Amino acid sequence: QVQLVESGGALVQPGSSLRLSCEASGFDPGYIMDYFAIGWFRQAPGKEREGVSCIANNHDLIWYADSVKGRFTISRDNAKNVVYLEMSNLSPDDTAVYYCAADLSFSASRCNSPGKGMEHWGKGTLVTVSL
């Protein structure tokens, strides 16, 4: 069973930068990190979970929500089994629990959604942007 562990969440001030990490482990025999598309999703208090960014297994396909384009960058290091989300110019609207999710297929439409159908999920890391 693939396990995903997010880290890097913190309380920061508006305008700050932060890097989230999603570390994967527990792959079934014959599977490696390279096979999986990874997505970052977030859920703000009282709101539905939404897609933030996704990256295909081969790095060629990347999707960003309009709200984070130009501010967030997703990347992956398959050798380290880690996917990163670099976040800059954070605003209070970015306050949320950030989750990473993995699936064997990449789908921009699924990323642009609450993420139903993504096969594996982490437990999340809290990002709070406040003065």
Protein backbone atom coordinates (compact mmCIF):
# COMPACT_ATOMS: atom_id res chain seq x y z
CA GLN A 1 0.00 0.00 0.00
CA VAL A 2 1.45 3.34 -1.05
CA GLN A 3 1.95 5.66 1.88
CA LEU A 4 2.21 9.40 1.42
CA VAL A 5 3.51 11.73 4.10
CA GLU A 6 3.27 15.48 3.71
CA SER A 7 5.51 17.90 5.55
CA GLY A 8 6.51 21.54 5.52
CA GLY A 9 3.30 23.16 6.64
CA ALA A 10 3.70 26.14 8.94
CA LEU A 11 2.29 29.45 10.13
CA VAL A 12 3.67 32.20 7.90
CA GLN A 13 2.96 35.82 7.16
CA PRO A 14 1.39 37.07 3.93
CA GLY A 15 3.95 37.39 1.17
CA SER A 16 6.04 34.54 2.54
CA SER A 17 7.26 31.44 0.77
CA LEU A 18 7.01 27.84 1.86
CA ARG A 19 7.96 24.46 0.45
CA LEU A 20 5.82 21.42 1.04
CA SER A 21 7.12 17.89 0.56
CA CYS A 22 5.28 14.68 -0.14
CA GLU A 23 7.29 11.56 0.52
CA ALA A 24 6.07 8.26 -0.87
CA SER A 25 6.81 4.74 0.30
CA GLY A 26 5.31 1.26 0.47
CA PHE A 27 5.10 0.56 -3.21
CA ASP A 28 3.83 -2.84 -4.25
CA PRO A 29 6.42 -5.14 -5.86
CA GLY A 30 7.04 -4.03 -9.41
CA TYR A 31 5.94 -0.46 -8.82
CA ILE A 32 8.09 2.57 -8.21
CA MET A 33 7.53 6.25 -7.73
CA ASP A 34 8.12 6.82 -11.43
CA TYR A 35 4.81 5.15 -12.26
CA PHE A 36 2.63 7.55 -10.29
CA ALA A 37 1.11 10.91 -11.04
CA ILE A 38 1.06 13.07 -7.93
CA GLY A 39 -1.33 15.82 -7.05
CA TRP A 40 -1.53 18.47 -4.37
CA PHE A 41 -4.98 19.31 -3.08
CA ARG A 42 -6.07 21.60 -0.29
CA GLN A 43 -9.05 22.10 1.93
CA ALA A 44 -9.70 25.38 3.65
CA PRO A 45 -11.94 25.57 6.73
CA GLY A 46 -15.58 25.24 5.71
CA LYS A 47 -14.76 24.70 2.06
CA GLU A 48 -14.61 21.76 -0.29
CA ARG A 49 -11.28 20.23 -1.11
CA GLU A 50 -9.81 21.60 -4.33
CA GLY A 51 -6.99 20.75 -6.64
CA VAL A 52 -3.87 22.88 -6.47
CA SER A 53 -1.38 21.23 -8.80
CA CYS A 54 -0.62 17.89 -10.36
CA ILE A 55 2.39 16.41 -12.10
CA ALA A 56 2.51 13.38 -14.33
CA ASN A 57 4.90 10.53 -13.70
CA ASN A 58 7.19 11.63 -16.51
CA HIS A 59 7.21 15.33 -15.55
CA ASP A 60 5.80 16.26 -18.97
CA LEU A 61 2.30 17.11 -17.85
CA ILE A 62 1.70 19.66 -15.13
CA TRP A 63 -1.53 21.35 -14.11
CA TYR A 64 -2.04 24.34 -11.84
CA ALA A 65 -5.18 25.89 -10.47
CA ASP A 66 -5.67 29.42 -11.76
CA SER A 67 -5.47 30.71 -8.21
CA VAL A 68 -1.86 29.53 -7.81
CA LYS A 69 -0.43 29.96 -11.30
CA GLY A 70 2.75 32.00 -11.19
CA ARG A 71 3.08 31.53 -7.43
CA PHE A 72 3.31 27.77 -6.91
CA THR A 73 5.66 25.30 -8.57
CA ILE A 74 5.34 21.54 -8.43
CA SER A 75 8.34 19.30 -8.97
CA ARG A 76 9.37 15.76 -8.26
CA ASP A 77 12.50 13.80 -7.52
CA ASN A 78 11.69 10.21 -8.33
CA ALA A 79 15.06 9.02 -7.07
CA LYS A 80 14.13 10.34 -3.62
CA ASN A 81 10.43 9.42 -3.90
CA VAL A 82 9.48 13.01 -3.15
CA VAL A 83 7.22 15.58 -4.76
CA TYR A 84 7.53 19.23 -3.79
CA LEU A 85 5.21 22.18 -3.88
CA GLU A 86 7.06 25.46 -3.79
CA MET A 87 4.71 28.23 -2.73
CA SER A 88 5.50 31.92 -2.90
CA ASN A 89 3.69 35.19 -2.27
CA LEU A 90 1.31 33.39 0.06
CA SER A 91 -1.92 35.05 1.04
CA PRO A 92 -4.51 34.26 3.72
CA ASP A 93 -6.59 32.65 0.95
CA ASP A 94 -3.93 29.93 0.75
CA THR A 95 -4.64 28.86 4.32
CA ALA A 96 -5.67 25.21 4.22
CA VAL A 97 -4.69 21.66 4.95
CA TYR A 98 -2.62 20.53 1.97
CA TYR A 99 -2.82 16.91 0.90
CA CYS A 100 -0.85 14.99 -1.65
CA ALA A 101 -2.37 12.17 -3.59
CA ALA A 102 -1.05 9.56 -5.99
CA ASP A 103 -2.54 7.67 -8.87
CA LEU A 104 -1.20 5.61 -11.75
CA SER A 105 -2.83 7.95 -14.26
CA PHE A 106 -2.65 11.71 -14.78
CA SER A 107 -5.85 13.61 -15.38
CA ALA A 108 -6.06 17.38 -15.49
CA SER A 109 -9.82 17.23 -15.02
CA ARG A 110 -9.45 15.11 -11.92
CA CYS A 111 -6.82 17.47 -10.59
CA ASN A 112 -9.23 20.35 -11.19
CA SER A 113 -11.65 18.78 -8.73
CA PRO A 114 -11.80 17.58 -5.12
CA GLY A 115 -9.64 14.70 -6.27
CA LYS A 116 -12.11 11.85 -6.09
CA GLY A 117 -10.62 8.85 -7.76
CA MET A 118 -7.05 9.53 -6.73
CA GLU A 119 -5.98 6.19 -5.35
CA HIS A 120 -3.69 7.08 -2.45
CA TRP A 121 -3.79 10.01 -0.03
CA GLY A 122 -1.64 11.46 2.69
CA LYS A 123 -2.98 12.84 5.95
CA GLY A 124 -2.18 16.45 5.14
CA THR A 125 -0.07 19.31 6.42
CA LEU A 126 -1.49 22.60 7.66
CA VAL A 127 -0.51 25.88 6.06
CA THR A 128 -1.69 29.00 7.83
CA VAL A 129 -1.05 32.41 6.33
CA SER A 130 -1.74 35.18 8.81
CA LEU A 131 -0.26 38.33 10.26
